[in-house]
N, C-alpha and C. Protein backbone atom coordinates (compact mmCIF):
# COMPACT_ATOMS: atom_id res chain seq x y z
N UNK A 1 56.43 89.54 100.79
CA UNK A 1 56.07 88.25 101.33
C UNK A 1 56.70 88.11 102.70
N UNK A 2 55.94 87.61 103.66
CA UNK A 2 56.45 87.41 105.02
C UNK A 2 57.48 86.30 105.02
N UNK A 3 58.32 86.32 106.05
CA UNK A 3 59.31 85.26 106.19
C UNK A 3 58.63 83.93 106.39
N UNK A 4 59.30 82.86 106.02
CA UNK A 4 58.71 81.54 106.19
C UNK A 4 59.28 80.89 107.44
N UNK A 5 58.39 80.25 108.17
CA UNK A 5 58.78 79.61 109.42
C UNK A 5 59.73 78.43 109.16
N UNK A 6 59.35 77.59 108.21
CA UNK A 6 60.16 76.42 107.89
C UNK A 6 61.26 76.87 106.95
N UNK A 7 62.44 77.11 107.48
CA UNK A 7 63.54 77.71 106.73
C UNK A 7 64.35 76.65 105.98
N UNK A 8 63.68 75.58 105.49
CA UNK A 8 64.44 74.59 104.74
C UNK A 8 64.61 75.03 103.29
N UNK A 9 65.50 74.34 102.61
CA UNK A 9 65.86 74.75 101.25
C UNK A 9 64.69 74.64 100.28
N UNK A 10 63.89 73.59 100.42
CA UNK A 10 62.77 73.44 99.49
C UNK A 10 61.77 74.58 99.68
N UNK A 11 61.56 75.00 100.92
CA UNK A 11 60.66 76.14 101.17
C UNK A 11 61.21 77.43 100.57
N UNK A 12 62.53 77.57 100.61
CA UNK A 12 63.14 78.76 100.03
C UNK A 12 62.85 78.84 98.53
N UNK A 13 63.04 77.72 97.84
CA UNK A 13 62.79 77.73 96.39
C UNK A 13 61.31 77.86 96.06
N UNK A 14 60.46 77.20 96.84
CA UNK A 14 59.02 77.33 96.59
C UNK A 14 58.57 78.77 96.78
N UNK A 15 59.09 79.43 97.82
CA UNK A 15 58.70 80.82 98.04
C UNK A 15 59.22 81.71 96.92
N UNK A 16 60.41 81.42 96.41
CA UNK A 16 60.96 82.19 95.30
C UNK A 16 60.13 81.98 94.04
N UNK A 17 59.73 80.75 93.78
CA UNK A 17 58.88 80.48 92.62
C UNK A 17 57.54 81.21 92.73
N UNK A 18 57.00 81.27 93.94
CA UNK A 18 55.73 81.98 94.16
C UNK A 18 55.89 83.48 93.95
N UNK A 19 56.98 84.04 94.47
CA UNK A 19 57.26 85.47 94.30
C UNK A 19 57.34 85.82 92.81
N UNK A 20 57.99 84.97 92.03
CA UNK A 20 58.23 85.25 90.62
C UNK A 20 57.01 84.94 89.73
N UNK A 21 56.01 84.28 90.31
CA UNK A 21 54.83 83.92 89.54
C UNK A 21 53.84 85.07 89.41
N UNK A 22 52.72 84.76 88.81
CA UNK A 22 51.63 85.73 88.62
C UNK A 22 50.35 85.20 89.23
N UNK A 23 49.54 86.11 89.76
CA UNK A 23 48.22 85.76 90.29
C UNK A 23 48.29 84.59 91.28
N UNK A 24 49.24 84.64 92.18
CA UNK A 24 49.43 83.64 93.23
C UNK A 24 49.72 82.25 92.67
N UNK A 25 50.20 82.18 91.45
CA UNK A 25 50.61 80.91 90.85
C UNK A 25 52.12 80.97 90.67
N UNK A 26 52.85 80.02 91.26
CA UNK A 26 54.32 80.05 91.13
C UNK A 26 54.77 79.73 89.71
N UNK A 27 55.96 80.19 89.37
CA UNK A 27 56.54 79.78 88.10
C UNK A 27 56.92 78.30 88.23
N UNK A 28 57.12 77.66 87.12
CA UNK A 28 57.46 76.24 87.15
C UNK A 28 58.90 76.04 87.63
N UNK A 29 59.17 74.83 88.05
CA UNK A 29 60.52 74.46 88.46
C UNK A 29 61.48 74.63 87.28
N UNK A 30 61.02 74.24 86.09
CA UNK A 30 61.85 74.36 84.89
C UNK A 30 62.15 75.83 84.59
N UNK A 31 61.17 76.70 84.76
CA UNK A 31 61.38 78.13 84.52
C UNK A 31 62.38 78.70 85.52
N UNK A 32 62.23 78.34 86.80
CA UNK A 32 63.18 78.81 87.81
C UNK A 32 64.59 78.35 87.46
N UNK A 33 64.73 77.10 87.06
CA UNK A 33 66.05 76.58 86.68
C UNK A 33 66.62 77.38 85.52
N UNK A 34 65.78 77.67 84.55
CA UNK A 34 66.23 78.40 83.36
C UNK A 34 66.69 79.82 83.69
N UNK A 35 65.91 80.56 84.45
CA UNK A 35 66.26 81.95 84.71
C UNK A 35 67.34 82.12 85.77
N UNK A 36 67.52 81.10 86.62
CA UNK A 36 68.54 81.21 87.67
C UNK A 36 69.85 80.54 87.28
N UNK A 37 69.86 79.84 86.16
CA UNK A 37 71.05 79.12 85.68
C UNK A 37 71.48 78.04 86.67
N UNK A 38 70.50 77.47 87.37
CA UNK A 38 70.74 76.32 88.23
C UNK A 38 70.17 75.12 87.47
N UNK A 39 70.92 74.03 87.34
CA UNK A 39 70.39 72.88 86.60
C UNK A 39 69.02 72.42 87.13
N UNK A 40 68.14 72.07 86.22
CA UNK A 40 66.78 71.66 86.60
C UNK A 40 66.81 70.48 87.56
N UNK A 41 67.70 69.55 87.34
CA UNK A 41 67.80 68.39 88.23
C UNK A 41 68.15 68.84 89.66
N UNK A 42 68.95 69.87 89.78
CA UNK A 42 69.31 70.40 91.10
C UNK A 42 68.11 71.06 91.77
N UNK A 43 67.37 71.86 91.01
CA UNK A 43 66.18 72.52 91.57
C UNK A 43 65.18 71.47 92.03
N UNK A 44 64.94 70.45 91.19
CA UNK A 44 64.00 69.38 91.58
C UNK A 44 64.50 68.64 92.82
N UNK A 45 65.81 68.40 92.89
CA UNK A 45 66.39 67.72 94.05
C UNK A 45 66.21 68.52 95.32
N UNK A 46 66.38 69.84 95.26
CA UNK A 46 66.19 70.70 96.43
C UNK A 46 64.73 70.67 96.86
N UNK A 47 63.84 70.82 95.89
CA UNK A 47 62.42 70.85 96.24
C UNK A 47 61.91 69.51 96.76
N UNK A 48 62.56 68.41 96.37
CA UNK A 48 62.18 67.09 96.87
C UNK A 48 62.86 66.77 98.20
N UNK A 49 63.75 67.66 98.66
CA UNK A 49 64.43 67.45 99.94
C UNK A 49 65.63 66.54 99.85
N UNK A 50 66.08 66.20 98.65
CA UNK A 50 67.24 65.32 98.47
C UNK A 50 68.56 66.08 98.39
N UNK A 51 68.47 67.39 98.29
CA UNK A 51 69.66 68.21 98.07
C UNK A 51 69.49 69.55 98.77
N UNK A 52 70.60 70.17 99.13
CA UNK A 52 70.57 71.51 99.72
C UNK A 52 71.01 72.53 98.68
N UNK A 53 70.58 73.76 98.86
CA UNK A 53 71.13 74.84 98.05
C UNK A 53 72.57 75.04 98.49
N UNK A 54 73.47 75.18 97.54
CA UNK A 54 74.86 75.41 97.88
C UNK A 54 75.25 76.85 97.56
N UNK A 55 76.48 77.20 97.83
CA UNK A 55 76.94 78.58 97.60
C UNK A 55 76.79 79.00 96.14
N UNK A 56 77.06 78.09 95.21
CA UNK A 56 76.93 78.43 93.80
C UNK A 56 75.47 78.69 93.43
N UNK A 57 74.54 77.92 94.00
CA UNK A 57 73.11 78.15 93.75
C UNK A 57 72.71 79.53 94.24
N UNK A 58 73.10 79.86 95.47
CA UNK A 58 72.77 81.19 96.02
C UNK A 58 73.41 82.29 95.18
N UNK A 59 74.63 82.07 94.75
CA UNK A 59 75.32 83.06 93.91
C UNK A 59 74.56 83.27 92.60
N UNK A 60 74.13 82.18 91.98
CA UNK A 60 73.38 82.30 90.73
C UNK A 60 72.06 83.04 90.93
N UNK A 61 71.39 82.77 92.03
CA UNK A 61 70.13 83.47 92.32
C UNK A 61 70.40 84.96 92.49
N UNK A 62 71.48 85.29 93.18
CA UNK A 62 71.82 86.71 93.36
C UNK A 62 72.18 87.38 92.04
N UNK A 63 73.01 86.70 91.24
CA UNK A 63 73.47 87.30 89.98
C UNK A 63 72.35 87.39 88.95
N UNK A 64 71.62 86.31 88.74
CA UNK A 64 70.67 86.27 87.64
C UNK A 64 69.26 86.75 88.01
N UNK A 65 68.92 86.69 89.31
CA UNK A 65 67.56 87.10 89.71
C UNK A 65 67.56 88.37 90.56
N UNK A 66 68.68 88.69 91.18
CA UNK A 66 68.73 89.88 92.04
C UNK A 66 68.09 89.64 93.40
N UNK A 67 68.07 88.39 93.86
CA UNK A 67 67.47 88.04 95.15
C UNK A 67 68.53 87.48 96.09
N UNK A 68 68.34 87.74 97.36
CA UNK A 68 69.28 87.26 98.40
C UNK A 68 68.46 86.70 99.56
N UNK A 69 68.86 85.53 100.07
CA UNK A 69 68.16 84.92 101.20
C UNK A 69 68.72 85.50 102.50
N UNK A 70 67.86 86.15 103.28
CA UNK A 70 68.30 86.83 104.49
C UNK A 70 67.20 86.75 105.55
N UNK A 71 67.51 86.20 106.70
CA UNK A 71 66.57 86.16 107.83
C UNK A 71 65.20 85.61 107.43
N UNK A 72 65.19 84.42 106.86
CA UNK A 72 63.97 83.69 106.55
C UNK A 72 63.12 84.31 105.44
N UNK A 73 63.72 85.11 104.59
CA UNK A 73 62.95 85.69 103.49
C UNK A 73 63.89 86.12 102.38
N UNK A 74 63.34 86.29 101.19
CA UNK A 74 64.09 86.80 100.05
C UNK A 74 64.05 88.32 100.07
N UNK A 75 65.21 88.93 99.87
CA UNK A 75 65.30 90.38 99.81
C UNK A 75 66.03 90.77 98.52
N UNK A 76 65.94 92.03 98.17
CA UNK A 76 66.59 92.55 96.97
C UNK A 76 68.09 92.67 97.20
N UNK A 77 68.85 92.33 96.18
CA UNK A 77 70.30 92.50 96.30
C UNK A 77 70.69 93.97 96.26
N UNK A 78 69.79 94.82 95.76
CA UNK A 78 70.07 96.26 95.73
C UNK A 78 70.10 96.83 97.14
N UNK A 79 69.22 96.29 98.00
CA UNK A 79 69.10 96.78 99.37
C UNK A 79 68.44 95.67 100.18
N UNK A 80 69.17 95.13 101.13
CA UNK A 80 68.67 94.00 101.91
C UNK A 80 67.47 94.35 102.78
N UNK A 81 67.14 95.62 102.86
CA UNK A 81 65.95 96.05 103.60
C UNK A 81 64.68 95.93 102.75
N UNK A 82 64.86 95.81 101.44
CA UNK A 82 63.71 95.76 100.53
C UNK A 82 63.32 94.31 100.30
N UNK A 83 62.08 93.94 100.64
CA UNK A 83 61.62 92.57 100.36
C UNK A 83 61.64 92.31 98.84
N UNK A 84 61.99 91.10 98.49
CA UNK A 84 62.05 90.72 97.08
C UNK A 84 60.63 90.47 96.57
N UNK A 85 60.33 91.08 95.45
CA UNK A 85 59.01 90.92 94.83
C UNK A 85 59.21 90.70 93.32
N UNK A 86 58.12 90.38 92.67
CA UNK A 86 58.19 90.25 91.20
C UNK A 86 58.61 91.58 90.58
N UNK A 87 58.14 92.68 91.14
CA UNK A 87 58.51 94.01 90.63
C UNK A 87 60.01 94.25 90.79
N UNK A 88 60.58 93.83 91.91
CA UNK A 88 62.02 93.94 92.12
C UNK A 88 62.77 93.13 91.07
N UNK A 89 62.27 91.92 90.81
CA UNK A 89 62.88 91.08 89.77
C UNK A 89 62.85 91.78 88.42
N UNK A 90 61.70 92.33 88.04
CA UNK A 90 61.57 93.00 86.75
C UNK A 90 62.46 94.24 86.67
N UNK A 91 62.55 94.98 87.76
CA UNK A 91 63.44 96.15 87.80
C UNK A 91 64.89 95.71 87.62
N UNK A 92 65.26 94.68 88.34
CA UNK A 92 66.63 94.16 88.25
C UNK A 92 66.94 93.71 86.83
N UNK A 93 66.02 92.97 86.22
CA UNK A 93 66.23 92.48 84.85
C UNK A 93 66.39 93.64 83.87
N UNK A 94 65.59 94.69 84.04
CA UNK A 94 65.71 95.84 83.12
C UNK A 94 67.03 96.58 83.35
N UNK A 95 67.51 96.62 84.60
CA UNK A 95 68.80 97.26 84.88
C UNK A 95 69.96 96.49 84.27
N UNK A 96 69.83 95.16 84.23
CA UNK A 96 70.90 94.35 83.65
C UNK A 96 71.13 94.68 82.17
N UNK A 97 70.13 95.26 81.54
CA UNK A 97 70.22 95.57 80.11
C UNK A 97 70.89 96.92 79.83
N UNK A 98 71.23 97.66 80.88
CA UNK A 98 71.77 98.99 80.67
C UNK A 98 73.28 99.04 80.92
N UNK A 99 73.96 99.93 80.24
CA UNK A 99 75.39 100.14 80.45
C UNK A 99 75.64 100.87 81.78
N UNK A 100 74.70 101.69 82.20
CA UNK A 100 74.88 102.42 83.47
C UNK A 100 75.02 101.44 84.63
N UNK A 101 74.26 100.35 84.59
CA UNK A 101 74.33 99.33 85.62
C UNK A 101 75.74 98.74 85.67
N UNK A 102 76.28 98.38 84.50
CA UNK A 102 77.61 97.77 84.49
C UNK A 102 78.69 98.78 84.89
N UNK A 103 78.51 100.05 84.52
CA UNK A 103 79.51 101.06 84.91
C UNK A 103 79.53 101.24 86.43
N UNK A 104 78.36 101.25 87.03
CA UNK A 104 78.29 101.41 88.49
C UNK A 104 78.95 100.22 89.18
N UNK A 105 78.65 99.01 88.71
CA UNK A 105 79.25 97.83 89.32
C UNK A 105 80.74 97.73 89.00
N UNK A 106 81.14 98.23 87.85
CA UNK A 106 82.56 98.21 87.50
C UNK A 106 83.35 99.06 88.49
N UNK A 107 82.84 100.22 88.81
CA UNK A 107 83.51 101.10 89.78
C UNK A 107 83.58 100.42 91.15
N UNK A 108 82.46 99.81 91.58
CA UNK A 108 82.45 99.09 92.87
C UNK A 108 83.43 97.93 92.84
N UNK A 109 83.46 97.21 91.72
CA UNK A 109 84.35 96.06 91.58
C UNK A 109 85.81 96.49 91.69
N UNK A 110 86.17 97.54 90.98
CA UNK A 110 87.56 97.99 91.01
C UNK A 110 87.97 98.47 92.40
N UNK A 111 87.06 99.15 93.09
CA UNK A 111 87.35 99.59 94.45
C UNK A 111 87.52 98.39 95.37
N UNK A 112 86.62 97.42 95.27
CA UNK A 112 86.72 96.21 96.10
C UNK A 112 88.00 95.44 95.78
N UNK A 113 88.33 95.35 94.50
CA UNK A 113 89.55 94.65 94.09
C UNK A 113 90.78 95.31 94.70
N UNK A 114 90.86 96.62 94.64
CA UNK A 114 91.99 97.34 95.24
C UNK A 114 92.08 97.07 96.74
N UNK A 115 90.94 97.12 97.43
CA UNK A 115 90.93 96.91 98.88
C UNK A 115 91.38 95.49 99.24
N UNK A 116 90.87 94.51 98.52
CA UNK A 116 91.22 93.11 98.81
C UNK A 116 92.69 92.86 98.51
N UNK A 117 93.15 93.27 97.34
CA UNK A 117 94.54 93.02 96.96
C UNK A 117 95.52 93.69 97.91
N UNK A 118 95.18 94.86 98.41
CA UNK A 118 96.06 95.57 99.34
C UNK A 118 96.21 94.82 100.66
N UNK A 119 95.23 94.00 101.01
CA UNK A 119 95.27 93.30 102.29
C UNK A 119 95.86 91.89 102.19
N UNK A 120 96.07 91.42 100.97
CA UNK A 120 96.62 90.08 100.79
C UNK A 120 98.13 90.11 100.69
N UNK A 121 98.74 89.00 101.05
CA UNK A 121 100.17 88.83 100.83
C UNK A 121 100.39 88.76 99.33
N UNK A 122 101.59 89.11 98.84
CA UNK A 122 101.82 89.13 97.39
C UNK A 122 101.43 87.84 96.66
N UNK A 123 101.79 86.70 97.21
CA UNK A 123 101.46 85.44 96.53
C UNK A 123 99.95 85.26 96.40
N UNK A 124 99.21 85.52 97.48
CA UNK A 124 97.76 85.38 97.45
C UNK A 124 97.12 86.41 96.52
N UNK A 125 97.65 87.62 96.50
CA UNK A 125 97.12 88.66 95.62
C UNK A 125 97.33 88.28 94.16
N UNK A 126 98.52 87.79 93.84
CA UNK A 126 98.80 87.39 92.46
C UNK A 126 97.96 86.18 92.05
N UNK A 127 97.80 85.24 92.95
CA UNK A 127 96.96 84.08 92.66
C UNK A 127 95.51 84.51 92.45
N UNK A 128 95.03 85.43 93.26
CA UNK A 128 93.66 85.93 93.11
C UNK A 128 93.48 86.60 91.75
N UNK A 129 94.45 87.40 91.34
CA UNK A 129 94.38 88.05 90.02
C UNK A 129 94.36 87.02 88.89
N UNK A 130 95.17 85.98 89.02
CA UNK A 130 95.18 84.94 87.99
C UNK A 130 93.83 84.21 87.94
N UNK A 131 93.23 83.95 89.09
CA UNK A 131 91.91 83.32 89.12
C UNK A 131 90.86 84.21 88.46
N UNK A 132 90.89 85.49 88.78
CA UNK A 132 89.94 86.43 88.17
C UNK A 132 90.14 86.49 86.66
N UNK A 133 91.39 86.51 86.24
CA UNK A 133 91.67 86.56 84.82
C UNK A 133 91.16 85.30 84.12
N UNK A 134 91.33 84.15 84.77
CA UNK A 134 90.82 82.89 84.23
C UNK A 134 89.30 82.96 84.06
N UNK A 135 88.62 83.51 85.06
CA UNK A 135 87.17 83.66 84.97
C UNK A 135 86.77 84.58 83.82
N UNK A 136 87.51 85.67 83.64
CA UNK A 136 87.23 86.58 82.52
C UNK A 136 87.37 85.87 81.18
N UNK A 137 88.40 85.05 81.06
CA UNK A 137 88.58 84.30 79.82
C UNK A 137 87.44 83.33 79.60
N UNK A 138 86.94 82.70 80.67
CA UNK A 138 85.80 81.79 80.53
C UNK A 138 84.55 82.56 80.09
N UNK A 139 84.32 83.72 80.67
CA UNK A 139 83.18 84.54 80.29
C UNK A 139 83.29 84.95 78.82
N UNK A 140 84.50 85.33 78.41
CA UNK A 140 84.72 85.70 77.01
C UNK A 140 84.40 84.52 76.10
N UNK A 141 84.86 83.34 76.46
CA UNK A 141 84.61 82.16 75.63
C UNK A 141 83.12 81.82 75.58
N UNK A 142 82.44 81.91 76.71
CA UNK A 142 81.00 81.61 76.76
C UNK A 142 80.20 82.57 75.90
N UNK A 143 80.71 83.76 75.71
CA UNK A 143 80.01 84.79 74.94
C UNK A 143 80.60 84.97 73.54
N UNK A 144 81.42 84.00 73.13
CA UNK A 144 82.03 84.00 71.80
C UNK A 144 82.79 85.29 71.50
N UNK A 145 83.49 85.78 72.49
CA UNK A 145 84.31 86.98 72.29
C UNK A 145 85.71 86.55 71.88
N UNK A 146 86.35 87.42 71.15
CA UNK A 146 87.72 87.12 70.73
C UNK A 146 88.62 87.07 71.95
N UNK A 147 89.21 85.93 72.18
CA UNK A 147 90.06 85.76 73.35
C UNK A 147 91.34 86.56 73.27
N UNK A 148 91.74 86.95 72.08
CA UNK A 148 92.97 87.73 71.94
C UNK A 148 92.87 89.04 72.71
N UNK A 149 91.66 89.56 72.86
CA UNK A 149 91.47 90.81 73.58
C UNK A 149 91.51 90.59 75.10
N UNK A 150 91.32 89.36 75.52
CA UNK A 150 91.27 89.06 76.94
C UNK A 150 92.29 87.98 77.27
N UNK A 151 93.49 88.17 76.81
CA UNK A 151 94.55 87.19 77.06
C UNK A 151 95.49 87.72 78.13
N UNK A 152 95.93 86.83 78.96
CA UNK A 152 96.93 87.17 79.96
C UNK A 152 98.24 87.36 79.25
N UNK A 153 98.85 88.49 79.45
CA UNK A 153 100.13 88.76 78.80
C UNK A 153 101.24 88.30 79.73
N UNK A 154 101.96 87.27 79.31
CA UNK A 154 103.02 86.79 80.20
C UNK A 154 104.06 87.88 80.44
N UNK A 155 104.50 87.98 81.64
CA UNK A 155 105.52 88.95 82.01
C UNK A 155 106.86 88.26 82.05
N UNK A 156 107.91 88.99 81.79
CA UNK A 156 109.25 88.42 81.90
C UNK A 156 109.51 88.12 83.37
N UNK A 157 110.15 86.99 83.64
CA UNK A 157 110.46 86.70 85.04
C UNK A 157 111.47 87.71 85.56
N UNK A 158 111.41 87.93 86.84
CA UNK A 158 112.36 88.85 87.46
C UNK A 158 113.76 88.26 87.34
N UNK A 159 114.71 89.08 86.98
CA UNK A 159 116.10 88.61 86.93
C UNK A 159 116.92 89.46 87.88
N UNK A 160 117.81 88.82 88.56
CA UNK A 160 118.66 89.51 89.51
C UNK A 160 120.09 89.52 88.97
N UNK A 161 120.67 90.68 88.89
CA UNK A 161 122.03 90.82 88.39
C UNK A 161 122.95 91.12 89.56
N UNK A 162 124.05 90.40 89.58
CA UNK A 162 125.04 90.64 90.62
C UNK A 162 125.88 91.84 90.21
N UNK A 163 126.34 92.61 91.19
CA UNK A 163 127.24 93.72 90.85
C UNK A 163 128.48 93.20 90.13
N UNK A 164 129.11 94.04 89.32
CA UNK A 164 130.25 93.63 88.47
C UNK A 164 131.40 93.05 89.27
N UNK A 165 131.67 93.57 90.49
CA UNK A 165 132.81 93.07 91.22
C UNK A 165 132.53 91.76 91.94
N UNK A 166 131.30 91.32 91.98
CA UNK A 166 130.97 90.06 92.65
C UNK A 166 131.34 88.87 91.78
N UNK A 167 131.70 87.82 92.45
CA UNK A 167 132.00 86.58 91.74
C UNK A 167 130.77 85.69 91.79
N UNK A 168 130.55 84.92 90.73
CA UNK A 168 129.39 84.03 90.72
C UNK A 168 129.48 83.01 91.84
N UNK A 169 128.31 82.66 92.34
CA UNK A 169 128.23 81.67 93.42
C UNK A 169 128.17 80.29 92.79
N UNK A 170 128.86 79.33 93.39
CA UNK A 170 128.83 77.97 92.87
C UNK A 170 130.07 77.65 92.08
N UNK A 171 130.22 76.38 91.76
CA UNK A 171 131.40 75.94 91.02
C UNK A 171 131.18 76.12 89.53
N UNK A 172 132.27 76.48 88.87
CA UNK A 172 132.22 76.55 87.41
C UNK A 172 132.37 75.15 86.86
N UNK A 173 131.66 74.90 85.80
CA UNK A 173 131.82 73.60 85.15
C UNK A 173 133.09 73.63 84.33
N UNK A 174 133.85 72.55 84.45
CA UNK A 174 135.07 72.45 83.66
C UNK A 174 134.69 71.92 82.28
N UNK A 175 135.35 72.50 81.28
CA UNK A 175 135.11 72.01 79.93
C UNK A 175 135.85 70.70 79.76
N UNK A 176 135.16 69.76 79.17
CA UNK A 176 135.77 68.47 78.92
C UNK A 176 136.49 68.53 77.59
N UNK A 177 137.62 67.92 77.58
CA UNK A 177 138.37 67.83 76.33
C UNK A 177 137.68 66.82 75.44
N UNK A 178 137.57 67.18 74.19
CA UNK A 178 136.93 66.28 73.25
C UNK A 178 137.88 65.17 72.85
N UNK A 179 137.40 64.00 72.86
CA UNK A 179 138.19 62.88 72.36
C UNK A 179 137.49 62.28 71.18
N UNK A 180 138.26 61.98 70.20
CA UNK A 180 137.67 61.37 68.99
C UNK A 180 137.92 59.92 68.93
């Protein structure tokens, strides 16, 4: 499909619905909401011009449909040079059902995670890991998985020991004599 001149949000969704439809008939707004995991009220709001697509909407379209908005057109998330088509959608959906797909993305994810964490300061890296772990727990809960397998294991806090010849810093508390 050629790029659309009017690059507004409603045109983006209408073009996506048309791409995903059959025989030049777009899928319904409700169907798009269902397969993209964007609330139907949000899709209707975008198409009516009352709302814009936000980052979460674009993320859901990329994750659940395999489409990315780039230079006035939808392209495949597999390769931004490939125009997004119904066939691309069907290929993407069939790949989501395979373990090979998840293994390939798992390797990419781990490599990206290592690269990002190496560039962050320790506090930001640790916070990022905690956020990711929180997301994993939410995914586990949404899929009724046993959370015991995906639990954050608390680590012992770091303790610093003074050398034996050092004296403790600070005043010692005096013991009070007991009075009856």
